[in-house]
PDB file of N, CA and C in Angstrom:
ATOM      1  N   UNK A   1       0.948  -1.709   0.249  1.00  0.00           N
ATOM      2  CA  UNK A   1       0.177  -0.061  -0.232  1.00  0.00           C
ATOM      3  C   UNK A   1       1.201   1.328  -0.367  1.00  0.00           C
ATOM      4  N   UNK A   2       1.455   1.785  -1.517  1.00  0.00           N
ATOM      5  CA  UNK A   2       2.442   2.537  -1.324  1.00  0.00           C
ATOM      6  C   UNK A   2       1.655   3.807  -0.880  1.00  0.00           C
ATOM      7  N   UNK A   3       0.925   4.722  -1.464  1.00  0.00           N
ATOM      8  CA  UNK A   3       0.640   5.299  -0.705  1.00  0.00           C
ATOM      9  C   UNK A   3       0.000   6.195   0.594  1.00  0.00           C
ATOM     10  N   UNK A   4      -0.084   5.011   1.720  1.00  0.00           N
ATOM     11  CA  UNK A   4      -0.409   5.451   2.724  1.00  0.00           C
ATOM     12  C   UNK A   4       0.757   5.462   3.733  1.00  0.00           C
ATOM     13  N   UNK A   5       0.102   6.450   4.818  1.00  0.00           N
ATOM     14  CA  UNK A   5       1.025   6.750   6.097  1.00  0.00           C
ATOM     15  C   UNK A   5       1.260   6.058   6.674  1.00  0.00           C
ATOM     16  N   UNK A   6       2.618   6.098   6.777  1.00  0.00           N
ATOM     17  CA  UNK A   6       3.897   5.668   7.814  1.00  0.00           C
ATOM     18  C   UNK A   6       3.769   6.048   8.951  1.00  0.00           C
ATOM     19  N   UNK A   7       3.353   4.974   9.474  1.00  0.00           N
ATOM     20  CA  UNK A   7       3.242   4.690  11.660  1.00  0.00           C
ATOM     21  C   UNK A   7       4.213   4.357  12.403  1.00  0.00           C
ATOM     22  N   UNK A   8       5.428   4.508  12.833  1.00  0.00           N
ATOM     23  CA  UNK A   8       6.005   4.087  13.599  1.00  0.00           C
ATOM     24  C   UNK A   8       5.598   4.114  15.185  1.00  0.00           C
ATOM     25  N   UNK A   9       5.504   2.933  15.720  1.00  0.00           N
ATOM     26  CA  UNK A   9       5.289   2.389  16.573  1.00  0.00           C
ATOM     27  C   UNK A   9       6.831   2.189  17.635  1.00  0.00           C
ATOM     28  N   UNK A  10       7.550   3.846  18.249  1.00  0.00           N
ATOM     29  CA  UNK A  10       8.684   3.762  18.539  1.00  0.00           C
ATOM     30  C   UNK A  10       8.767   2.683  19.519  1.00  0.00           C
ATOM     31  N   UNK A  11       7.737   2.759  20.725  1.00  0.00           N
ATOM     32  CA  UNK A  11       8.234   1.613  21.756  1.00  0.00           C
ATOM     33  C   UNK A  11       8.437  -0.384  21.249  1.00  0.00           C
ATOM     34  N   UNK A  12       7.392   0.063  20.428  1.00  0.00           N
ATOM     35  CA  UNK A  12       7.273  -1.585  20.148  1.00  0.00           C
ATOM     36  C   UNK A  12       8.091  -2.063  18.897  1.00  0.00           C
ATOM     37  N   UNK A  13       9.151  -1.171  18.362  1.00  0.00           N
ATOM     38  CA  UNK A  13      10.171  -1.274  16.854  1.00  0.00           C
ATOM     39  C   UNK A  13       9.458  -1.472  15.933  1.00  0.00           C
ATOM     40  N   UNK A  14       7.999  -1.025  15.663  1.00  0.00           N
ATOM     41  CA  UNK A  14       7.632  -1.571  14.689  1.00  0.00           C
ATOM     42  C   UNK A  14       6.754  -0.061  13.554  1.00  0.00           C
ATOM     43  N   UNK A  15       6.485  -0.830  12.756  1.00  0.00           N
ATOM     44  CA  UNK A  15       5.991   0.594  11.665  1.00  0.00           C
ATOM     45  C   UNK A  15       5.112   0.508  10.657  1.00  0.00           C
ATOM     46  N   UNK A  16       4.360   0.624  10.921  1.00  0.00           N
ATOM     47  CA  UNK A  16       3.364   0.190   9.548  1.00  0.00           C
ATOM     48  C   UNK A  16       2.602   1.150   9.049  1.00  0.00           C
ATOM     49  N   UNK A  17       1.475   0.573   7.694  1.00  0.00           N
ATOM     50  CA  UNK A  17       1.257   1.330   6.794  1.00  0.00           C
ATOM     51  C   UNK A  17      -0.352   1.635   6.999  1.00  0.00           C
ATOM     52  N   UNK A  18      -1.153   2.167   6.939  1.00  0.00           N
ATOM     53  CA  UNK A  18      -2.576   3.120   6.824  1.00  0.00           C
ATOM     54  C   UNK A  18      -3.061   3.566   6.516  1.00  0.00           C
ATOM     55  N   UNK A  19      -4.245   3.431   6.287  1.00  0.00           N
ATOM     56  CA  UNK A  19      -5.779   3.708   6.319  1.00  0.00           C
ATOM     57  C   UNK A  19      -5.781   5.033   6.380  1.00  0.00           C
ATOM     58  N   UNK A  20      -6.173   5.476   5.802  1.00  0.00           N
ATOM     59  CA  UNK A  20      -6.299   7.701   6.552  1.00  0.00           C
ATOM     60  C   UNK A  20      -8.133   7.584   6.675  1.00  0.00           C
ATOM     61  N   UNK A  21      -8.609   6.679   6.006  1.00  0.00           N
ATOM     62  CA  UNK A  21      -9.287   7.165   5.856  1.00  0.00           C
ATOM     63  C   UNK A  21     -10.591   6.213   7.054  1.00  0.00           C
ATOM     64  N   UNK A  22      -9.765   5.535   7.583  1.00  0.00           N
ATOM     65  CA  UNK A  22     -10.314   4.355   9.056  1.00  0.00           C
ATOM     66  C   UNK A  22      -9.137   5.228  10.965  1.00  0.00           C
ATOM     67  N   UNK A  23      -9.642   5.464  11.387  1.00  0.00           N
ATOM     68  CA  UNK A  23      -9.005   6.032  12.924  1.00  0.00           C
ATOM     69  C   UNK A  23      -7.505   4.820  12.865  1.00  0.00           C
ATOM     70  N   UNK A  24      -6.825   5.736  13.586  1.00  0.00           N
ATOM     71  CA  UNK A  24      -5.402   4.832  14.318  1.00  0.00           C
ATOM     72  C   UNK A  24      -5.871   4.059  15.349  1.00  0.00           C
ATOM     73  N   UNK A  25      -7.507   3.436  15.731  1.00  0.00           N
ATOM     74  CA  UNK A  25      -7.430   2.793  16.948  1.00  0.00           C
ATOM     75  C   UNK A  25      -8.050   0.577  15.409  1.00  0.00           C
ATOM     76  N   UNK A  26      -8.540   1.646  14.613  1.00  0.00           N
ATOM     77  CA  UNK A  26      -9.429   1.063  13.939  1.00  0.00           C
ATOM     78  C   UNK A  26      -7.481   0.029  12.318  1.00  0.00           C
ATOM     79  N   UNK A  27      -7.125   0.703  12.721  1.00  0.00           N
ATOM     80  CA  UNK A  27      -5.891   0.236  11.701  1.00  0.00           C
ATOM     81  C   UNK A  27      -5.179  -0.780  12.138  1.00  0.00           C
ATOM     82  N   UNK A  28      -4.399   0.019  13.930  1.00  0.00           N
ATOM     83  CA  UNK A  28      -3.992  -0.910  14.932  1.00  0.00           C
ATOM     84  C   UNK A  28      -4.712  -2.670  14.297  1.00  0.00           C
ATOM     85  N   UNK A  29      -5.949  -2.442  15.389  1.00  0.00           N
ATOM     86  CA  UNK A  29      -7.004  -3.400  15.483  1.00  0.00           C
ATOM     87  C   UNK A  29      -6.744  -4.504  13.958  1.00  0.00           C
ATOM     88  N   UNK A  30      -6.385  -3.867  13.263  1.00  0.00           N
ATOM     89  CA  UNK A  30      -7.075  -4.558  11.879  1.00  0.00           C
ATOM     90  C   UNK A  30      -5.756  -5.522  11.062  1.00  0.00           C
ATOM     91  N   UNK A  31      -4.430  -4.707  12.220  1.00  0.00           N
ATOM     92  CA  UNK A  31      -2.874  -5.096  11.628  1.00  0.00           C
ATOM     93  C   UNK A  31      -3.128  -5.528  12.770  1.00  0.00           C
ATOM     94  N   UNK A  32      -3.591  -6.397  13.745  1.00  0.00           N
ATOM     95  CA  UNK A  32      -3.474  -7.224  14.943  1.00  0.00           C
ATOM     96  C   UNK A  32      -2.044  -6.464  15.789  1.00  0.00           C
ATOM     97  N   UNK A  33      -2.138  -5.222  15.684  1.00  0.00           N
ATOM     98  CA  UNK A  33      -1.824  -4.003  16.932  1.00  0.00           C
ATOM     99  C   UNK A  33      -2.514  -4.547  18.095  1.00  0.00           C
ATOM    100  N   UNK A  34      -1.231  -5.004  19.167  1.00  0.00           N
ATOM    101  CA  UNK A  34      -2.566  -5.166  20.244  1.00  0.00           C
ATOM    102  C   UNK A  34      -2.965  -3.715  21.366  1.00  0.00           C
ATOM    103  N   UNK A  35      -2.963  -2.790  21.363  1.00  0.00           N
ATOM    104  CA  UNK A  35      -4.294  -2.032  22.328  1.00  0.00           C
ATOM    105  C   UNK A  35      -4.852  -1.781  23.087  1.00  0.00           C
ATOM    106  N   UNK A  36      -4.565  -1.342  23.951  1.00  0.00           N
ATOM    107  CA  UNK A  36      -6.280  -1.261  24.865  1.00  0.00           C
ATOM    108  C   UNK A  36      -7.486  -0.125  24.505  1.00  0.00           C
ATOM    109  N   UNK A  37      -8.610  -1.413  24.923  1.00  0.00           N
ATOM    110  CA  UNK A  37      -9.710  -0.086  24.209  1.00  0.00           C
ATOM    111  C   UNK A  37     -10.915  -1.360  25.487  1.00  0.00           C
ATOM    112  N   UNK A  38     -11.718  -0.813  24.910  1.00  0.00           N
ATOM    113  CA  UNK A  38     -13.488  -1.244  26.341  1.00  0.00           C
ATOM    114  C   UNK A  38     -14.766  -0.308  26.015  1.00  0.00           C
ATOM    115  N   UNK A  39     -14.380   0.488  25.086  1.00  0.00           N
ATOM    116  CA  UNK A  39     -15.742   1.396  24.589  1.00  0.00           C
ATOM    117  C   UNK A  39     -15.941   1.022  22.645  1.00  0.00           C
ATOM    118  N   UNK A  40     -15.065   0.306  21.858  1.00  0.00           N
ATOM    119  CA  UNK A  40     -15.063   0.389  20.733  1.00  0.00           C
ATOM    120  C   UNK A  40     -14.644   1.674  20.105  1.00  0.00           C
ATOM    121  N   UNK A  41     -14.252   2.306  20.232  1.00  0.00           N
ATOM    122  CA  UNK A  41     -13.805   3.740  19.564  1.00  0.00           C
ATOM    123  C   UNK A  41     -14.607   4.330  19.284  1.00  0.00           C
ATOM    124  N   UNK A  42     -15.323   4.713  20.920  1.00  0.00           N
ATOM    125  CA  UNK A  42     -16.286   5.702  20.652  1.00  0.00           C
ATOM    126  C   UNK A  42     -16.148   7.354  21.904  1.00  0.00           C
ATOM    127  N   UNK A  43     -14.677   7.021  22.219  1.00  0.00           N
ATOM    128  CA  UNK A  43     -14.287   7.876  22.934  1.00  0.00           C
ATOM    129  C   UNK A  43     -14.597   8.287  24.745  1.00  0.00           C
ATOM    130  N   UNK A  44     -15.247   6.778  24.985  1.00  0.00           N
ATOM    131  CA  UNK A  44     -15.833   7.274  26.426  1.00  0.00           C
ATOM    132  C   UNK A  44     -14.179   6.218  27.281  1.00  0.00           C
ATOM    133  N   UNK A  45     -13.759   5.373  26.742  1.00  0.00           N
ATOM    134  CA  UNK A  45     -12.779   4.698  27.881  1.00  0.00           C
ATOM    135  C   UNK A  45     -11.262   5.256  28.020  1.00  0.00           C
ATOM    136  N   UNK A  46     -10.986   6.405  26.776  1.00  0.00           N
ATOM    137  CA  UNK A  46      -9.810   6.615  26.367  1.00  0.00           C
ATOM    138  C   UNK A  46      -8.357   5.613  26.411  1.00  0.00           C
ATOM    139  N   UNK A  47      -8.845   4.289  26.989  1.00  0.00           N
ATOM    140  CA  UNK A  47      -7.767   3.289  26.867  1.00  0.00           C
ATOM    141  C   UNK A  47      -7.349   2.928  25.985  1.00  0.00           C
ATOM    142  N   UNK A  48      -7.429   3.743  24.466  1.00  0.00           N
ATOM    143  CA  UNK A  48      -6.510   3.778  23.426  1.00  0.00           C
ATOM    144  C   UNK A  48      -5.618   4.744  23.163  1.00  0.00           C
ATOM    145  N   UNK A  49      -5.148   5.249  24.084  1.00  0.00           N
ATOM    146  CA  UNK A  49      -4.967   6.866  24.138  1.00  0.00           C
ATOM    147  C   UNK A  49      -3.206   6.413  22.988  1.00  0.00           C
ATOM    148  N   UNK A  50      -2.643   7.621  22.837  1.00  0.00           N
ATOM    149  CA  UNK A  50      -1.120   7.174  21.917  1.00  0.00           C
ATOM    150  C   UNK A  50      -0.231   8.194  22.321  1.00  0.00           C
ATOM    151  N   UNK A  51       1.331   8.138  21.844  1.00  0.00           N
ATOM    152  CA  UNK A  51       1.562   9.857  23.188  1.00  0.00           C
ATOM    153  C   UNK A  51       2.188  10.011  21.572  1.00  0.00           C
ATOM    154  N   UNK A  52       2.166  11.474  20.962  1.00  0.00           N
ATOM    155  CA  UNK A  52       2.153  11.218  19.615  1.00  0.00           C
ATOM    156  C   UNK A  52       4.394  11.734  19.727  1.00  0.00           C
ATOM    157  N   UNK A  53       4.889  11.440  19.165  1.00  0.00           N
ATOM    158  CA  UNK A  53       6.905  11.845  19.460  1.00  0.00           C
ATOM    159  C   UNK A  53       6.830  13.026  18.180  1.00  0.00           C
ATOM    160  N   UNK A  54       6.705  12.539  16.804  1.00  0.00           N
ATOM    161  CA  UNK A  54       6.350  13.303  16.122  1.00  0.00           C
ATOM    162  C   UNK A  54       5.690  13.046  15.000  1.00  0.00           C
ATOM    163  N   UNK A  55       5.593  14.413  14.200  1.00  0.00           N
ATOM    164  CA  UNK A  55       4.536  14.352  13.379  1.00  0.00           C
ATOM    165  C   UNK A  55       2.748  14.972  13.582  1.00  0.00           C
ATOM    166  N   UNK A  56       3.160  15.315  14.506  1.00  0.00           N
ATOM    167  CA  UNK A  56       1.276  16.015  15.239  1.00  0.00           C
ATOM    168  C   UNK A  56       0.434  16.135  14.656  1.00  0.00           C
ATOM    169  N   UNK A  57       1.403  17.410  13.263  1.00  0.00           N
ATOM    170  CA  UNK A  57       0.815  18.158  12.333  1.00  0.00           C
ATOM    171  C   UNK A  57       0.012  17.158  11.413  1.00  0.00           C
ATOM    172  N   UNK A  58       0.651  15.681  11.570  1.00  0.00           N
ATOM    173  CA  UNK A  58      -0.166  15.297  10.092  1.00  0.00           C
ATOM    174  C   UNK A  58      -0.850  14.468  10.502  1.00  0.00           C
ATOM    175  N   UNK A  59      -1.966  14.691  11.925  1.00  0.00           N
ATOM    176  CA  UNK A  59      -3.301  13.526  12.325  1.00  0.00           C
ATOM    177  C   UNK A  59      -4.386  14.512  12.386  1.00  0.00           C
ATOM    178  N   UNK A  60      -5.216  14.006  11.783  1.00  0.00           N
ATOM    179  CA  UNK A  60      -6.491  14.679  12.094  1.00  0.00           C
ATOM    180  C   UNK A  60      -6.681  15.494  13.342  1.00  0.00           C
ATOM    181  N   UNK A  61      -7.482  16.887  13.252  1.00  0.00           N
ATOM    182  CA  UNK A  61      -7.266  18.104  14.464  1.00  0.00           C
ATOM    183  C   UNK A  61      -8.367  17.162  15.481  1.00  0.00           C
ATOM    184  N   UNK A  62      -7.397  17.783  16.596  1.00  0.00           N
ATOM    185  CA  UNK A  62      -7.954  17.072  17.680  1.00  0.00           C
ATOM    186  C   UNK A  62     -10.144  17.203  18.031  1.00  0.00           C
ATOM    187  N   UNK A  63     -10.394  16.534  18.491  1.00  0.00           N
ATOM    188  CA  UNK A  63     -12.060  16.564  18.466  1.00  0.00           C
ATOM    189  C   UNK A  63     -12.678  17.092  20.187  1.00  0.00           C
ATOM    190  N   UNK A  64     -13.283  17.382  19.963  1.00  0.00           N
ATOM    191  CA  UNK A  64     -14.202  17.843  21.655  1.00  0.00           C
ATOM    192  C   UNK A  64     -14.112  16.838  22.031  1.00  0.00           C
ATOM    193  N   UNK A  65     -14.501  15.485  22.113  1.00  0.00           N
ATOM    194  CA  UNK A  65     -14.623  14.112  22.668  1.00  0.00           C
ATOM    195  C   UNK A  65     -13.109  14.065  22.920  1.00  0.00           C
ATOM    196  N   UNK A  66     -12.000  13.995  22.739  1.00  0.00           N
ATOM    197  CA  UNK A  66     -10.412  13.806  22.964  1.00  0.00           C
ATOM    198  C   UNK A  66     -10.184  14.232  24.515  1.00  0.00           C
ATOM    199  N   UNK A  67     -10.901  16.256  23.684  1.00  0.00           N
ATOM    200  CA  UNK A  67     -10.380  17.122  24.901  1.00  0.00           C
ATOM    201  C   UNK A  67     -10.895  16.762  26.271  1.00  0.00           C
ATOM    202  N   UNK A  68     -12.642  16.294  26.272  1.00  0.00           N
ATOM    203  CA  UNK A  68     -12.985  16.033  26.926  1.00  0.00           C
ATOM    204  C   UNK A  68     -12.735  14.390  27.998  1.00  0.00           C
ATOM    205  N   UNK A  69     -12.290  14.210  27.074  1.00  0.00           N
ATOM    206  CA  UNK A  69     -11.899  12.385  27.647  1.00  0.00           C
ATOM    207  C   UNK A  69     -10.245  12.898  28.068  1.00  0.00           C
ATOM    208  N   UNK A  70      -9.799  13.398  27.631  1.00  0.00           N
ATOM    209  CA  UNK A  70      -8.328  13.559  28.298  1.00  0.00           C
ATOM    210  C   UNK A  70      -7.826  14.889  28.983  1.00  0.00           C
ATOM    211  N   UNK A  71      -8.510  15.826  28.802  1.00  0.00           N
ATOM    212  CA  UNK A  71      -8.115  17.199  29.352  1.00  0.00           C
ATOM    213  C   UNK A  71      -7.261  18.292  28.568  1.00  0.00           C
ATOM    214  N   UNK A  72      -6.738  18.433  28.445  1.00  0.00           N
ATOM    215  CA  UNK A  72      -6.091  19.443  27.999  1.00  0.00           C
ATOM    216  C   UNK A  72      -4.558  19.300  28.090  1.00  0.00           C
ATOM    217  N   UNK A  73      -4.235  18.769  29.511  1.00  0.00           N
ATOM    218  CA  UNK A  73      -2.768  18.764  29.526  1.00  0.00           C
ATOM    219  C   UNK A  73      -2.496  17.517  28.920  1.00  0.00           C
ATOM    220  N   UNK A  74      -3.668  16.318  28.741  1.00  0.00           N
ATOM    221  CA  UNK A  74      -2.266  15.601  28.261  1.00  0.00           C
ATOM    222  C   UNK A  74      -2.465  15.954  26.582  1.00  0.00           C
ATOM    223  N   UNK A  75      -3.442  16.545  26.333  1.00  0.00           N
ATOM    224  CA  UNK A  75      -3.414  16.517  25.059  1.00  0.00           C
ATOM    225  C   UNK A  75      -1.868  18.096  24.753  1.00  0.00           C
ATOM    226  N   UNK A  76      -2.145  18.406  25.315  1.00  0.00           N
ATOM    227  CA  UNK A  76      -0.730  19.577  26.228  1.00  0.00           C
ATOM    228  C   UNK A  76       0.477  18.265  25.398  1.00  0.00           C
ATOM    229  N   UNK A  77       0.490  17.539  26.348  1.00  0.00           N
ATOM    230  CA  UNK A  77       1.350  16.804  26.379  1.00  0.00           C
ATOM    231  C   UNK A  77       2.046  15.802  24.758  1.00  0.00           C
ATOM    232  N   UNK A  78       1.098  15.858  24.331  1.00  0.00           N
ATOM    233  CA  UNK A  78       1.021  14.869  22.827  1.00  0.00           C
ATOM    234  C   UNK A  78       0.138  13.991  22.702  1.00  0.00           C
ATOM    235  N   UNK A  79      -0.507  13.708  23.865  1.00  0.00           N
ATOM    236  CA  UNK A  79      -1.555  12.661  24.029  1.00  0.00           C
ATOM    237  C   UNK A  79      -2.553  12.845  22.628  1.00  0.00           C
ATOM    238  N   UNK A  80      -2.912  11.186  22.303  1.00  0.00           N
ATOM    239  CA  UNK A  80      -4.282  11.377  21.521  1.00  0.00           C
ATOM    240  C   UNK A  80      -4.862  10.673  21.434  1.00  0.00           C
ATOM    241  N   UNK A  81      -6.421  10.616  21.405  1.00  0.00           N
ATOM    242  CA  UNK A  81      -6.440   8.708  21.562  1.00  0.00           C
ATOM    243  C   UNK A  81      -7.099   8.706  19.752  1.00  0.00           C
ATOM    244  N   UNK A  82      -6.436   6.987  20.025  1.00  0.00           N
ATOM    245  CA  UNK A  82      -6.704   6.983  18.884  1.00  0.00           C
ATOM    246  C   UNK A  82      -7.781   6.840  17.842  1.00  0.00           C
ATOM    247  N   UNK A  83      -8.769   6.376  18.614  1.00  0.00           N
ATOM    248  CA  UNK A  83      -9.862   5.924  18.011  1.00  0.00           C
ATOM    249  C   UNK A  83     -10.539   7.328  17.526  1.00  0.00           C
ATOM    250  N   UNK A  84      -9.867   8.237  17.587  1.00  0.00           N
ATOM    251  CA  UNK A  84     -10.551   9.695  17.137  1.00  0.00           C
ATOM    252  C   UNK A  84      -9.246  10.313  16.511  1.00  0.00           C
ATOM    253  N   UNK A  85      -8.350   9.436  15.989  1.00  0.00           N
ATOM    254  CA  UNK A  85      -6.754  10.772  15.104  1.00  0.00           C
ATOM    255  C   UNK A  85      -6.960   9.134  13.885  1.00  0.00           C
ATOM    256  N   UNK A  86      -6.329  10.458  12.685  1.00  0.00           N
ATOM    257  CA  UNK A  86      -6.595   9.477  11.774  1.00  0.00           C
ATOM    258  C   UNK A  86      -5.034  10.306  10.794  1.00  0.00           C
ATOM    259  N   UNK A  87      -4.106   9.414  10.305  1.00  0.00           N
ATOM    260  CA  UNK A  87      -3.146   9.958  10.096  1.00  0.00           C
ATOM    261  C   UNK A  87      -2.996  10.147   8.468  1.00  0.00           C
ATOM    262  N   UNK A  88      -2.712  10.965   8.324  1.00  0.00           N
ATOM    263  CA  UNK A  88      -2.004  11.812   6.526  1.00  0.00           C
ATOM    264  C   UNK A  88      -1.290  11.950   6.385  1.00  0.00           C
ATOM    265  N   UNK A  89       0.100  11.867   7.136  1.00  0.00           N
ATOM    266  CA  UNK A  89       0.806  11.472   6.861  1.00  0.00           C
ATOM    267  C   UNK A  89       1.830  11.004   8.336  1.00  0.00           C
ATOM    268  N   UNK A  90       2.564  10.330   7.552  1.00  0.00           N
ATOM    269  CA  UNK A  90       4.252   9.269   8.724  1.00  0.00           C
ATOM    270  C   UNK A  90       3.505  10.369  10.109  1.00  0.00           C
ATOM    271  N   UNK A  91       3.452   9.522  10.792  1.00  0.00           N
ATOM    272  CA  UNK A  91       3.760   9.919  12.560  1.00  0.00           C
ATOM    273  C   UNK A  91       4.465   8.640  13.406  1.00  0.00           C
ATOM    274  N   UNK A  92       4.672   9.642  14.195  1.00  0.00           N
ATOM    275  CA  UNK A  92       6.240   8.865  15.193  1.00  0.00           C
ATOM    276  C   UNK A  92       5.603   8.481  16.482  1.00  0.00           C
ATOM    277  N   UNK A  93       5.058   7.532  17.261  1.00  0.00           N
ATOM    278  CA  UNK A  93       4.220   7.362  18.328  1.00  0.00           C
ATOM    279  C   UNK A  93       4.874   6.432  19.571  1.00  0.00           C
ATOM    280  N   UNK A  94       4.140   6.191  20.261  1.00  0.00           N
ATOM    281  CA  UNK A  94       4.182   5.662  21.359  1.00  0.00           C
ATOM    282  C   UNK A  94       2.970   4.744  21.505  1.00  0.00           C
ATOM    283  N   UNK A  95       3.195   3.687  22.647  1.00  0.00           N
ATOM    284  CA  UNK A  95       0.998   2.941  22.435  1.00  0.00           C
ATOM    285  C   UNK A  95       1.454   2.296  24.404  1.00  0.00           C
ATOM    286  N   UNK A  96       1.165   2.738  25.011  1.00  0.00           N
ATOM    287  CA  UNK A  96       1.194   2.571  26.707  1.00  0.00           C
ATOM    288  C   UNK A  96       0.850   0.731  26.483  1.00  0.00           C
ATOM    289  N   UNK A  97       1.644   0.063  27.283  1.00  0.00           N
ATOM    290  CA  UNK A  97       1.621  -0.883  27.400  1.00  0.00           C
ATOM    291  C   UNK A  97       0.819  -1.482  27.958  1.00  0.00           C
ATOM    292  N   UNK A  98      -0.167  -3.616  27.774  1.00  0.00           N
ATOM    293  CA  UNK A  98      -1.256  -3.492  27.413  1.00  0.00           C
ATOM    294  C   UNK A  98      -1.419  -3.702  29.064  1.00  0.00           C
ATOM    295  N   UNK A  99      -0.629  -4.236  29.850  1.00  0.00           N
ATOM    296  CA  UNK A  99      -0.497  -3.905  31.448  1.00  0.00           C
ATOM    297  C   UNK A  99      -0.648  -2.314  32.320  1.00  0.00           C
ATOM    298  N   UNK A 100      -0.331  -1.355  31.566  1.00  0.00           N
ATOM    299  CA  UNK A 100      -0.493   0.023  31.525  1.00  0.00           C
ATOM    300  C   UNK A 100      -1.645   0.867  32.595  1.00  0.00           C
ATOM    301  N   UNK A 101      -1.796   0.919  34.361  1.00  0.00           N
ATOM    302  CA  UNK A 101      -2.926   1.399  34.451  1.00  0.00           C
ATOM    303  C   UNK A 101      -3.432   2.186  33.763  1.00  0.00           C
ATOM    304  N   UNK A 102      -4.254   2.954  33.136  1.00  0.00           N
ATOM    305  CA  UNK A 102      -4.971   4.172  32.167  1.00  0.00           C
ATOM    306  C   UNK A 102      -6.045   4.772  33.161  1.00  0.00           C
ATOM    307  N   UNK A 103      -6.630   5.485  34.179  1.00  0.00           N
ATOM    308  CA  UNK A 103      -7.182   6.043  34.311  1.00  0.00           C
ATOM    309  C   UNK A 103      -7.379   7.065  33.970  1.00  0.00           C
TER     310      UNK A 103
END
């Protein structure tokens, strides 16, 4: 898939290509990337968060649901909800470990 954005998951030493029509969460799940989620991509649980290290400008704009769930401080620190984010170009990010407590 040549013209699809590349996502580097730095803390897992993994790089994938994603379909920008689908959220990062749906891309991760369809490619077998382990990620926490319990609300099915509705921005309610906050467990699918990812920390953007590079390329934040290459993501879809922050949505009100992300601000409501994560709060301004986490957004400012580079956190996004993968269920609400679409990659338009290359992004480097980290995913929390599956055992990490996310409140």
